[in-house]
N, C-alpha and C. Protein backbone atom coordinates (compact mmCIF):
# COMPACT_ATOMS: atom_id res chain seq x y z
N MET A 1 0.99 -1.30 -0.14
CA MET A 1 0.02 0.05 0.10
C MET A 1 0.83 1.34 0.14
N PHE A 2 1.80 1.36 0.99
CA PHE A 2 2.70 2.42 1.07
C PHE A 2 3.73 2.60 -0.19
N ALA A 3 4.00 1.43 -0.75
CA ALA A 3 4.77 1.54 -2.02
C ALA A 3 4.06 2.23 -3.11
N HIS A 4 2.76 1.92 -3.14
CA HIS A 4 1.77 2.72 -4.14
C HIS A 4 1.76 4.15 -3.76
N PHE A 5 1.65 4.40 -2.42
CA PHE A 5 1.72 5.80 -1.97
C PHE A 5 3.02 6.53 -2.42
N ALA A 6 4.09 5.96 -2.26
CA ALA A 6 5.30 6.60 -2.78
C ALA A 6 5.40 6.82 -4.26
N VAL A 7 4.83 5.84 -5.12
CA VAL A 7 4.70 6.13 -6.52
C VAL A 7 3.93 7.37 -6.72
N LEU A 8 2.96 7.49 -6.12
CA LEU A 8 1.93 8.69 -6.36
C LEU A 8 2.57 9.90 -6.06
N LEU A 9 3.41 9.99 -4.92
CA LEU A 9 4.10 11.07 -4.54
C LEU A 9 5.14 11.40 -5.46
N LEU A 10 5.84 10.55 -6.16
CA LEU A 10 6.80 10.85 -7.20
C LEU A 10 6.29 11.43 -8.30
N THR A 11 5.21 10.96 -8.76
CA THR A 11 4.46 11.42 -9.92
C THR A 11 3.96 12.83 -9.76
N LEU A 12 3.71 13.38 -8.50
CA LEU A 12 3.29 14.83 -8.40
C LEU A 12 4.43 15.63 -8.14
N SER A 13 5.78 15.12 -7.94
CA SER A 13 6.86 16.04 -7.55
C SER A 13 7.19 17.13 -8.42
N TRP A 14 6.85 16.88 -9.71
CA TRP A 14 7.18 17.76 -10.84
C TRP A 14 6.33 18.92 -10.69
N ARG A 15 5.10 18.80 -10.02
CA ARG A 15 4.19 19.99 -9.92
C ARG A 15 4.38 20.71 -8.63
N ALA A 16 5.36 20.32 -7.74
CA ALA A 16 5.58 20.99 -6.54
C ALA A 16 6.07 22.20 -6.49
N GLY A 17 6.84 22.67 -7.73
CA GLY A 17 7.39 23.84 -7.92
C GLY A 17 6.31 25.04 -8.21
N GLN A 18 5.14 24.68 -8.36
CA GLN A 18 4.22 25.62 -8.72
C GLN A 18 3.94 26.62 -7.53
N PRO A 19 4.01 28.07 -7.57
CA PRO A 19 4.00 28.81 -6.30
C PRO A 19 2.64 28.93 -5.74
N VAL A 20 2.63 28.80 -4.39
CA VAL A 20 1.46 28.90 -3.52
C VAL A 20 2.03 29.96 -2.46
N PRO A 21 1.25 31.02 -2.41
CA PRO A 21 1.68 32.16 -1.61
C PRO A 21 1.30 31.85 -0.17
N ILE A 22 2.04 31.15 0.56
CA ILE A 22 1.83 30.93 1.94
C ILE A 22 2.89 31.73 2.79
N ARG A 23 2.98 32.94 2.51
CA ARG A 23 3.77 33.93 3.43
C ARG A 23 5.28 33.77 2.98
N CYS A 24 5.78 32.64 3.00
CA CYS A 24 7.28 32.53 2.43
C CYS A 24 7.38 31.90 1.20
N GLU A 25 7.86 32.79 0.21
CA GLU A 25 8.13 32.37 -1.23
C GLU A 25 8.93 31.30 -1.24
N ASN A 26 10.14 31.12 -0.46
CA ASN A 26 11.20 30.14 -0.62
C ASN A 26 10.47 28.81 -0.06
N LYS A 27 9.56 28.76 0.54
CA LYS A 27 8.81 27.56 1.06
C LYS A 27 7.54 27.26 0.31
N ALA A 28 7.26 27.97 -0.60
CA ALA A 28 5.87 27.81 -1.46
C ALA A 28 5.82 26.50 -1.99
N ALA A 29 6.97 25.98 -2.69
CA ALA A 29 6.85 24.88 -3.41
C ALA A 29 6.84 23.58 -2.48
N GLU A 30 7.54 23.78 -1.20
CA GLU A 30 7.36 22.73 -0.35
C GLU A 30 5.98 22.65 0.37
N CYS A 31 5.32 23.71 0.51
CA CYS A 31 4.03 23.73 0.94
C CYS A 31 3.02 23.22 -0.02
N ALA A 32 3.20 23.61 -1.31
CA ALA A 32 2.33 22.96 -2.27
C ALA A 32 2.28 21.33 -2.30
N PHE A 33 3.50 20.93 -2.23
CA PHE A 33 3.84 19.45 -2.25
C PHE A 33 3.22 18.94 -0.94
N LEU A 34 3.33 19.52 0.18
CA LEU A 34 2.80 18.75 1.47
C LEU A 34 1.23 18.83 1.40
N PHE A 35 0.71 19.83 0.93
CA PHE A 35 -0.81 19.74 0.92
C PHE A 35 -1.17 18.69 -0.10
N LYS A 36 -0.62 18.49 -1.17
CA LYS A 36 -0.98 17.37 -2.19
C LYS A 36 -0.59 16.01 -1.49
N THR A 37 0.60 16.02 -0.64
CA THR A 37 0.90 14.82 -0.06
C THR A 37 -0.15 14.38 0.99
N LEU A 38 -0.65 15.39 1.71
CA LEU A 38 -1.79 15.05 2.78
C LEU A 38 -2.89 14.56 2.12
N LEU A 39 -3.39 15.02 0.94
CA LEU A 39 -4.54 14.50 0.21
C LEU A 39 -4.23 13.10 -0.10
N LEU A 40 -3.09 12.74 -0.71
CA LEU A 40 -2.94 11.58 -1.19
C LEU A 40 -2.80 10.34 -0.06
N ASN A 41 -2.10 10.93 1.00
CA ASN A 41 -1.99 10.13 2.26
C ASN A 41 -3.29 9.59 2.81
N VAL A 42 -4.22 10.74 3.03
CA VAL A 42 -5.52 10.30 3.55
C VAL A 42 -6.27 9.35 2.64
N ARG A 43 -6.16 9.68 1.46
CA ARG A 43 -6.93 8.81 0.42
C ARG A 43 -6.39 7.50 0.56
N GLU A 44 -4.98 7.18 0.44
CA GLU A 44 -4.43 5.83 0.65
C GLU A 44 -4.83 5.30 1.97
N LEU A 45 -4.71 6.06 3.07
CA LEU A 45 -5.15 5.49 4.34
C LEU A 45 -6.60 4.83 4.45
N LEU A 46 -7.56 5.63 3.65
CA LEU A 46 -8.82 4.98 3.73
C LEU A 46 -8.99 3.95 2.76
N SER A 47 -8.09 3.77 1.85
CA SER A 47 -8.14 2.40 0.95
C SER A 47 -7.77 1.24 1.76
N SER A 48 -7.10 1.35 2.77
CA SER A 48 -6.45 0.22 3.62
C SER A 48 -7.62 -0.59 4.13
N GLU A 49 -7.35 -1.74 4.60
CA GLU A 49 -8.40 -2.57 5.36
C GLU A 49 -8.18 -2.42 6.96
N ASP A 50 -7.36 -1.58 7.35
CA ASP A 50 -6.95 -1.63 8.68
C ASP A 50 -7.70 -0.62 9.45
N LEU A 51 -8.25 0.41 8.89
CA LEU A 51 -9.02 1.51 9.59
C LEU A 51 -10.47 1.40 9.54
N CYS A 52 -11.00 1.25 8.29
CA CYS A 52 -12.46 1.38 8.13
C CYS A 52 -13.12 0.10 7.63
N HIS A 53 -12.33 -0.89 7.32
CA HIS A 53 -12.86 -2.11 6.75
C HIS A 53 -13.99 -2.82 7.48
N GLY A 54 -15.27 -2.90 7.02
CA GLY A 54 -16.19 -3.64 7.75
C GLY A 54 -16.68 -2.80 8.97
N LEU A 55 -16.33 -1.70 9.17
CA LEU A 55 -16.79 -1.01 10.39
C LEU A 55 -18.12 -0.20 10.35
N ILE A 56 -18.23 0.53 9.11
CA ILE A 56 -19.48 1.40 8.93
C ILE A 56 -19.61 1.61 7.51
N PRO A 57 -20.94 2.01 7.12
CA PRO A 57 -21.04 2.11 5.68
C PRO A 57 -20.24 3.28 5.11
N SER A 58 -19.78 3.01 3.68
CA SER A 58 -18.75 3.91 3.14
C SER A 58 -19.33 5.34 3.01
N SER A 59 -20.68 5.60 3.24
CA SER A 59 -21.08 6.86 3.07
C SER A 59 -21.07 7.67 4.33
N HIS A 60 -20.85 7.00 5.43
CA HIS A 60 -20.84 7.65 6.66
C HIS A 60 -19.50 8.38 7.15
N MET A 61 -19.60 9.56 7.43
CA MET A 61 -18.50 10.40 7.73
C MET A 61 -18.73 11.56 8.69
N SER A 62 -17.89 12.08 9.24
CA SER A 62 -18.09 13.37 10.26
C SER A 62 -17.16 14.47 9.83
N VAL A 63 -17.70 15.64 9.46
CA VAL A 63 -16.94 16.73 9.14
C VAL A 63 -16.83 17.70 10.27
N TRP A 64 -15.71 18.20 10.85
CA TRP A 64 -15.75 18.90 12.14
C TRP A 64 -16.35 20.17 12.19
N SER A 65 -16.08 21.06 10.92
CA SER A 65 -16.68 22.33 11.04
C SER A 65 -16.70 22.80 9.49
N ALA A 66 -17.68 23.60 9.20
CA ALA A 66 -17.88 24.25 7.81
C ALA A 66 -17.15 25.52 7.66
N ASP A 67 -16.27 25.86 8.59
CA ASP A 67 -15.62 27.29 8.33
C ASP A 67 -14.80 27.31 7.29
N THR A 68 -13.99 26.29 6.94
CA THR A 68 -12.96 26.42 5.89
C THR A 68 -13.76 26.50 4.63
N VAL A 69 -14.84 25.70 4.37
CA VAL A 69 -15.64 25.72 3.26
C VAL A 69 -16.18 27.06 2.95
N GLN A 70 -16.71 27.70 4.04
CA GLN A 70 -17.29 29.20 3.94
C GLN A 70 -16.28 30.13 3.66
N ALA A 71 -15.10 30.07 4.49
CA ALA A 71 -14.08 31.02 4.26
C ALA A 71 -13.25 31.04 2.89
N CYS A 72 -13.21 29.77 2.33
CA CYS A 72 -12.29 29.60 1.17
C CYS A 72 -13.15 29.40 -0.05
N THR A 73 -14.40 29.61 -0.19
CA THR A 73 -15.05 29.56 -1.42
C THR A 73 -15.50 31.00 -1.69
N PRO A 74 -15.10 31.48 -2.94
CA PRO A 74 -15.48 32.67 -3.32
C PRO A 74 -17.03 32.88 -3.44
N ASN A 75 -17.60 33.92 -3.15
CA ASN A 75 -18.99 34.16 -3.26
C ASN A 75 -19.43 34.06 -4.81
N LEU A 76 -20.50 33.60 -5.14
CA LEU A 76 -21.00 33.62 -6.53
C LEU A 76 -22.07 34.72 -6.81
N THR A 77 -22.06 35.24 -7.99
CA THR A 77 -23.03 36.14 -8.29
C THR A 77 -23.61 35.83 -9.79
N MET A 78 -24.77 35.98 -10.03
CA MET A 78 -25.44 35.58 -11.30
C MET A 78 -25.30 36.69 -12.25
N SER A 79 -24.79 36.49 -13.44
CA SER A 79 -24.92 37.48 -14.57
C SER A 79 -26.07 36.99 -15.58
N GLN A 80 -26.27 37.59 -16.63
CA GLN A 80 -27.24 37.33 -17.58
C GLN A 80 -27.02 36.09 -18.25
N SER A 81 -25.74 35.60 -18.38
CA SER A 81 -25.38 34.50 -19.16
C SER A 81 -24.94 33.31 -18.30
N CYS A 82 -24.29 33.58 -17.28
CA CYS A 82 -23.78 32.59 -16.28
C CYS A 82 -23.50 32.91 -15.12
N MET A 83 -23.00 32.00 -14.30
CA MET A 83 -22.65 32.33 -12.85
C MET A 83 -21.22 32.61 -12.77
N MET A 84 -20.87 33.83 -12.17
CA MET A 84 -19.39 34.17 -12.19
C MET A 84 -19.04 34.42 -10.72
N GLN A 85 -17.72 34.38 -10.50
CA GLN A 85 -17.18 34.60 -9.16
C GLN A 85 -17.08 36.05 -8.85
N ARG A 86 -17.50 36.49 -7.70
CA ARG A 86 -17.20 37.76 -7.25
C ARG A 86 -15.91 37.78 -6.25
N ASN A 87 -14.83 38.15 -6.79
CA ASN A 87 -13.62 37.86 -6.13
C ASN A 87 -13.25 38.75 -4.85
N SER A 88 -13.98 40.06 -5.04
CA SER A 88 -13.70 41.04 -3.95
C SER A 88 -13.98 40.53 -2.55
N SER A 89 -15.09 39.62 -2.49
CA SER A 89 -15.50 39.26 -1.11
C SER A 89 -14.62 38.22 -0.56
N PHE A 90 -13.73 37.62 -1.34
CA PHE A 90 -12.76 36.38 -0.74
C PHE A 90 -11.68 37.00 0.07
N SER A 91 -11.68 36.53 1.23
CA SER A 91 -10.44 36.94 2.16
C SER A 91 -9.47 35.80 2.25
N GLU A 92 -8.14 36.11 1.56
CA GLU A 92 -7.11 35.14 1.64
C GLU A 92 -6.73 34.84 3.13
N SER A 93 -6.63 35.88 3.92
CA SER A 93 -6.24 35.64 5.30
C SER A 93 -7.28 34.84 6.06
N GLU A 94 -8.46 35.13 5.96
CA GLU A 94 -9.55 34.30 6.64
C GLU A 94 -9.52 32.83 6.13
N CYS A 95 -9.28 32.73 4.86
CA CYS A 95 -9.22 31.30 4.39
C CYS A 95 -8.03 30.63 5.00
N LEU A 96 -6.90 31.19 4.97
CA LEU A 96 -5.81 30.47 5.58
C LEU A 96 -5.80 30.31 7.08
N ARG A 97 -6.62 31.24 7.80
CA ARG A 97 -6.79 31.17 9.02
C ARG A 97 -7.58 29.90 9.29
N SER A 98 -8.65 29.77 8.55
CA SER A 98 -9.57 28.48 8.73
C SER A 98 -8.82 27.17 8.38
N ILE A 99 -7.99 27.23 7.34
CA ILE A 99 -7.22 25.97 6.94
C ILE A 99 -6.30 25.77 8.18
N LYS A 100 -5.85 26.65 8.85
CA LYS A 100 -4.89 26.38 10.01
C LYS A 100 -5.64 25.85 11.14
N LYS A 101 -6.86 26.30 11.33
CA LYS A 101 -7.62 25.81 12.44
C LYS A 101 -7.96 24.34 12.09
N ASP A 102 -8.35 23.97 10.91
CA ASP A 102 -8.57 22.60 10.55
C ASP A 102 -7.39 21.84 10.76
N LEU A 103 -6.25 22.24 10.44
CA LEU A 103 -5.11 21.36 10.55
C LEU A 103 -4.77 21.20 12.12
N ASP A 104 -5.00 22.24 12.84
CA ASP A 104 -4.76 22.26 14.33
C ASP A 104 -5.62 21.20 14.93
N TYR A 105 -6.92 21.15 14.51
CA TYR A 105 -7.99 20.24 15.15
C TYR A 105 -7.64 18.70 14.75
N HIS A 106 -7.22 18.47 13.37
CA HIS A 106 -7.10 17.17 13.28
C HIS A 106 -5.82 16.81 13.56
N GLU A 107 -4.70 17.49 13.62
CA GLU A 107 -3.28 17.06 14.30
C GLU A 107 -3.56 16.67 15.73
N ALA A 108 -4.40 17.44 16.53
CA ALA A 108 -4.53 17.12 17.91
C ALA A 108 -5.52 15.84 17.97
N ALA A 109 -6.58 15.64 17.17
CA ALA A 109 -7.41 14.52 17.21
C ALA A 109 -6.57 13.28 16.98
N ILE A 110 -5.82 13.27 15.86
CA ILE A 110 -4.93 12.12 15.61
C ILE A 110 -4.03 11.79 16.75
N ARG A 111 -3.41 12.87 17.17
CA ARG A 111 -2.29 12.68 18.17
C ARG A 111 -2.91 12.09 19.51
N HIS A 112 -4.03 12.47 19.82
CA HIS A 112 -4.64 11.97 21.19
C HIS A 112 -5.16 10.62 20.85
N TYR A 113 -5.60 10.30 19.63
CA TYR A 113 -6.20 8.99 19.20
C TYR A 113 -5.17 7.92 19.52
N LEU A 114 -3.93 8.24 18.94
CA LEU A 114 -2.73 7.42 18.84
C LEU A 114 -2.10 7.20 20.45
N GLN A 115 -2.57 8.16 21.21
CA GLN A 115 -2.23 7.96 22.60
C GLN A 115 -3.24 7.28 23.47
N SER A 116 -4.35 6.85 22.77
CA SER A 116 -5.46 6.23 23.47
C SER A 116 -5.24 4.68 23.32
N ASP A 117 -6.33 4.00 23.84
CA ASP A 117 -6.13 2.40 24.03
C ASP A 117 -6.69 2.00 22.60
N LEU A 118 -5.65 1.63 21.69
CA LEU A 118 -6.01 1.47 20.27
C LEU A 118 -6.50 0.10 20.20
N ASN A 119 -7.38 -0.20 19.17
CA ASN A 119 -7.96 -1.57 19.04
C ASN A 119 -6.88 -2.47 18.34
N MET A 120 -6.13 -1.96 17.38
CA MET A 120 -4.99 -2.61 16.63
C MET A 120 -3.91 -1.71 16.65
N PRO A 121 -3.13 -1.65 17.61
CA PRO A 121 -1.96 -0.60 17.68
C PRO A 121 -0.86 -0.87 16.63
N ASP A 122 -0.68 -2.21 16.33
CA ASP A 122 0.41 -2.58 15.42
C ASP A 122 -0.11 -2.24 14.11
N LYS A 123 -1.24 -1.90 13.77
CA LYS A 123 -1.69 -1.51 12.23
C LYS A 123 -2.16 -0.09 12.33
N GLU A 124 -2.83 0.45 13.43
CA GLU A 124 -3.25 1.77 13.39
C GLU A 124 -2.23 2.73 13.62
N ASP A 125 -1.06 2.41 14.32
CA ASP A 125 -0.06 3.28 14.63
C ASP A 125 0.68 3.71 13.38
N PRO A 126 1.25 2.68 12.62
CA PRO A 126 1.88 2.98 11.29
C PRO A 126 0.97 3.54 10.23
N LEU A 127 -0.26 3.31 10.24
CA LEU A 127 -1.28 3.78 9.41
C LEU A 127 -1.43 5.44 9.50
N LEU A 128 -1.59 5.73 10.80
CA LEU A 128 -1.93 7.22 11.08
C LEU A 128 -0.88 8.09 11.42
N THR A 129 0.36 7.51 11.85
CA THR A 129 1.41 8.41 12.05
C THR A 129 2.01 9.23 10.94
N PRO A 130 2.05 8.62 9.70
CA PRO A 130 2.55 9.49 8.54
C PRO A 130 1.42 10.54 8.30
N THR A 131 0.25 10.45 8.57
CA THR A 131 -0.62 11.66 8.37
C THR A 131 -0.43 12.69 9.36
N LEU A 132 -0.22 12.26 10.74
CA LEU A 132 0.11 13.08 11.60
C LEU A 132 1.36 13.93 11.32
N GLU A 133 2.49 13.22 10.81
CA GLU A 133 3.71 13.93 10.54
C GLU A 133 3.50 14.93 9.33
N ILE A 134 2.79 14.56 8.25
CA ILE A 134 2.49 15.41 7.32
C ILE A 134 1.79 16.74 7.76
N ILE A 135 0.77 16.70 8.52
CA ILE A 135 0.23 17.83 9.12
C ILE A 135 1.17 18.61 9.97
N GLN A 136 1.89 17.84 10.83
CA GLN A 136 2.86 18.67 11.66
C GLN A 136 3.87 19.40 10.75
N SER A 137 4.23 18.89 9.62
CA SER A 137 5.28 19.42 8.63
C SER A 137 4.55 20.64 8.03
N LEU A 138 3.34 20.57 7.84
CA LEU A 138 2.57 21.73 7.16
C LEU A 138 2.51 22.92 8.13
N MET A 139 2.17 22.49 9.40
CA MET A 139 2.22 23.66 10.44
C MET A 139 3.49 24.20 10.82
N LYS A 140 4.51 23.34 10.63
CA LYS A 140 5.85 24.05 10.97
C LYS A 140 6.45 24.68 9.82
N ASN A 141 6.40 24.21 8.52
CA ASN A 141 7.07 24.90 7.47
C ASN A 141 6.21 25.84 6.49
N CYS A 142 4.91 25.86 6.88
CA CYS A 142 4.04 26.81 6.03
C CYS A 142 3.52 27.67 7.07
N SER A 143 3.82 29.20 6.84
CA SER A 143 3.48 30.12 7.79
C SER A 143 1.96 30.54 7.63
N LEU A 144 1.00 29.57 8.09
CA LEU A 144 -0.22 29.87 8.10
C LEU A 144 -0.41 30.57 9.49
N MET A 145 -1.54 31.43 9.61
CA MET A 145 -1.84 32.33 10.68
C MET A 145 -2.17 31.39 11.90
N ALA A 146 -1.65 31.82 13.14
CA ALA A 146 -1.85 31.27 14.32
C ALA A 146 -3.40 31.41 14.76
N ASN A 147 -3.88 30.55 15.62
CA ASN A 147 -5.28 30.56 15.97
C ASN A 147 -5.26 30.76 17.47
N ALA A 148 -6.09 31.62 17.95
CA ALA A 148 -6.22 31.79 19.47
C ALA A 148 -6.92 30.74 20.03
N GLU A 149 -7.70 29.86 19.30
CA GLU A 149 -8.49 28.77 19.77
C GLU A 149 -7.68 27.48 20.09
N ASN A 150 -6.37 27.55 19.82
CA ASN A 150 -5.53 26.31 19.80
C ASN A 150 -5.64 25.31 21.09
N SER A 151 -5.66 26.25 22.20
CA SER A 151 -5.74 25.41 23.54
C SER A 151 -7.16 24.82 23.61
N SER A 152 -8.17 25.53 23.25
CA SER A 152 -9.60 24.78 23.40
C SER A 152 -9.68 23.70 22.34
N LEU A 153 -9.18 23.79 21.21
CA LEU A 153 -9.01 22.57 20.39
C LEU A 153 -8.27 21.38 20.90
N GLU A 154 -7.35 21.60 21.68
CA GLU A 154 -6.45 20.66 22.32
C GLU A 154 -7.45 19.95 23.32
N GLU A 155 -8.22 20.75 24.15
CA GLU A 155 -9.09 20.19 25.09
C GLU A 155 -10.17 19.32 24.48
N VAL A 156 -10.71 19.82 23.35
CA VAL A 156 -11.75 18.94 22.60
C VAL A 156 -11.31 17.74 22.19
N ALA A 157 -10.02 17.67 21.55
CA ALA A 157 -9.56 16.58 21.03
C ALA A 157 -8.98 15.48 22.25
N ALA A 158 -8.67 16.01 23.32
CA ALA A 158 -8.16 15.03 24.26
C ALA A 158 -9.42 14.19 24.90
N LYS A 159 -10.70 14.87 24.73
CA LYS A 159 -11.87 14.28 25.26
C LYS A 159 -12.52 13.56 24.27
N MET A 160 -12.08 13.23 22.97
CA MET A 160 -12.78 12.62 21.95
C MET A 160 -12.77 11.18 22.12
N TRP A 161 -11.77 10.44 22.71
CA TRP A 161 -11.43 9.24 22.47
C TRP A 161 -11.69 8.46 23.97
N THR A 162 -12.94 8.57 24.37
CA THR A 162 -13.31 8.16 25.84
C THR A 162 -14.19 6.79 25.86
N LYS A 163 -14.55 6.38 24.56
CA LYS A 163 -15.38 5.13 24.37
C LYS A 163 -14.43 3.97 24.23
N THR A 164 -15.04 2.76 23.91
CA THR A 164 -14.17 1.67 23.71
C THR A 164 -13.22 1.85 22.58
N SER A 165 -12.18 1.07 22.48
CA SER A 165 -11.37 1.03 21.37
C SER A 165 -11.92 0.89 20.12
N PHE A 166 -13.03 -0.13 20.12
CA PHE A 166 -13.62 -0.27 18.82
C PHE A 166 -14.42 0.76 18.40
N GLN A 167 -15.20 1.44 19.39
CA GLN A 167 -15.92 2.65 19.20
C GLN A 167 -15.05 3.80 18.72
N ASN A 168 -13.90 3.94 19.22
CA ASN A 168 -13.05 5.14 19.03
C ASN A 168 -12.77 4.96 17.45
N ARG A 169 -12.50 3.62 17.17
CA ARG A 169 -11.86 3.33 15.70
C ARG A 169 -13.08 3.71 14.79
N GLN A 170 -14.28 3.33 15.04
CA GLN A 170 -15.32 3.81 14.15
C GLN A 170 -15.40 5.25 14.13
N LYS A 171 -15.27 6.06 15.12
CA LYS A 171 -15.22 7.47 15.10
C LYS A 171 -14.09 7.95 14.23
N MET A 172 -12.90 7.24 14.50
CA MET A 172 -11.81 7.79 13.67
C MET A 172 -12.03 7.75 12.19
N CYS A 173 -12.61 6.58 11.78
CA CYS A 173 -12.95 6.19 10.42
C CYS A 173 -13.91 7.38 9.93
N LYS A 174 -14.85 7.64 10.68
CA LYS A 174 -15.84 8.78 10.20
C LYS A 174 -15.04 10.03 10.02
N MET A 175 -14.15 10.44 10.95
CA MET A 175 -13.28 11.68 11.03
C MET A 175 -12.49 11.53 9.79
N MET A 176 -11.79 10.61 9.53
CA MET A 176 -10.88 10.58 8.30
C MET A 176 -11.47 10.58 6.95
N ARG A 177 -12.64 10.14 7.00
CA ARG A 177 -13.45 10.44 5.79
C ARG A 177 -13.79 11.69 5.50
N GLY A 178 -14.34 12.44 6.63
CA GLY A 178 -14.56 13.83 6.50
C GLY A 178 -13.25 14.56 6.29
N PHE A 179 -12.17 14.17 6.87
CA PHE A 179 -10.94 14.83 6.60
C PHE A 179 -10.52 14.84 5.08
N HIS A 180 -10.68 13.74 4.58
CA HIS A 180 -10.38 13.56 2.99
C HIS A 180 -11.17 14.51 2.30
N VAL A 181 -12.39 14.67 2.55
CA VAL A 181 -13.35 15.73 1.85
C VAL A 181 -12.70 17.14 2.04
N ARG A 182 -12.26 17.40 3.41
CA ARG A 182 -11.77 18.64 3.69
C ARG A 182 -10.40 18.93 3.10
N ALA A 183 -9.56 17.84 3.00
CA ALA A 183 -8.28 18.07 2.27
C ALA A 183 -8.48 18.42 0.77
N ILE A 184 -9.39 17.75 0.26
CA ILE A 184 -9.71 18.23 -1.13
C ILE A 184 -10.06 19.72 -1.30
N THR A 185 -10.97 20.17 -0.29
CA THR A 185 -11.45 21.48 -0.35
C THR A 185 -10.06 22.56 -0.02
N ILE A 186 -9.32 22.11 0.84
CA ILE A 186 -8.05 22.70 1.21
C ILE A 186 -7.14 22.92 -0.16
N ASN A 187 -6.87 21.82 -0.85
CA ASN A 187 -6.06 21.80 -2.08
C ASN A 187 -6.83 22.73 -3.01
N ARG A 188 -7.97 22.70 -3.18
CA ARG A 188 -8.54 23.67 -4.09
C ARG A 188 -8.51 25.06 -3.72
N ALA A 189 -8.52 25.29 -2.52
CA ALA A 189 -8.44 26.67 -2.01
C ALA A 189 -7.10 27.19 -2.25
N MET A 190 -6.09 26.27 -2.04
CA MET A 190 -4.74 26.84 -2.20
C MET A 190 -4.36 26.94 -3.68
N GLY A 191 -5.10 26.10 -4.41
CA GLY A 191 -4.84 26.48 -6.00
C GLY A 191 -5.58 27.70 -6.34
N TYR A 192 -6.65 28.02 -5.74
CA TYR A 192 -7.29 29.23 -6.05
C TYR A 192 -6.45 30.54 -5.65
N ILE A 193 -5.80 30.44 -4.51
CA ILE A 193 -5.08 31.42 -3.84
C ILE A 193 -3.74 31.65 -4.79
N SER A 194 -3.10 30.65 -5.23
CA SER A 194 -2.06 30.62 -6.04
C SER A 194 -2.33 31.18 -7.47
N SER A 195 -3.52 31.12 -7.89
CA SER A 195 -4.00 31.59 -9.22
C SER A 195 -4.05 33.23 -9.06
N ARG A 196 -4.17 33.73 -7.96
CA ARG A 196 -4.20 35.15 -7.71
C ARG A 196 -5.46 35.89 -8.29
N ASP A 197 -6.36 34.92 -8.80
CA ASP A 197 -7.58 35.60 -9.27
C ASP A 197 -8.33 36.60 -8.25
N HIS A 198 -8.25 36.15 -7.01
CA HIS A 198 -9.08 36.97 -6.02
C HIS A 198 -8.26 38.37 -5.80
N ARG A 199 -7.22 38.72 -6.41
CA ARG A 199 -6.63 39.93 -6.22
C ARG A 199 -6.71 40.77 -7.47
N LYS A 200 -7.36 40.39 -8.39
CA LYS A 200 -7.66 41.06 -9.74
C LYS A 200 -8.72 42.16 -9.59
């Protein structure tokens, strides 16, 4: 599984040089690569048989907050012929702040999960640790705006995994499915920001 993941990363590496304005230009390529890597990692994780297989229907997921979707989607306005983006209402700083909050939450949730009584530690730890490391690299190397709510997110994450290890695994499966959808949104948002259309 992870060999396949490595091949996917190598095929994307040629696109990593595309500029993504995350405050530090010399780290823009690394950040673009990390965001794509996160999406591929979560997708690969969900395709394994060790996290979600046989637990819950494939349509079941939990999405933590709608803030990133709201902050990172340009408002739409109708013209006579088609729907057009109204770029003036898009706030790059608000979008990046929401992305940072998303990453903070999922980093804390995964970290606390790995510290809980795992159902299958020999399988879950190597499965989720790479995801955690990618998120931590994003937060360390990409200068996204800090959030004042970080301590409260930490408290929420610490209280998430209080059920049995099996129930916690079901909850993690739903969370990672929602995080996959969110990772798609984040990558689209970063592509929109890198296009600079919102500054025209």
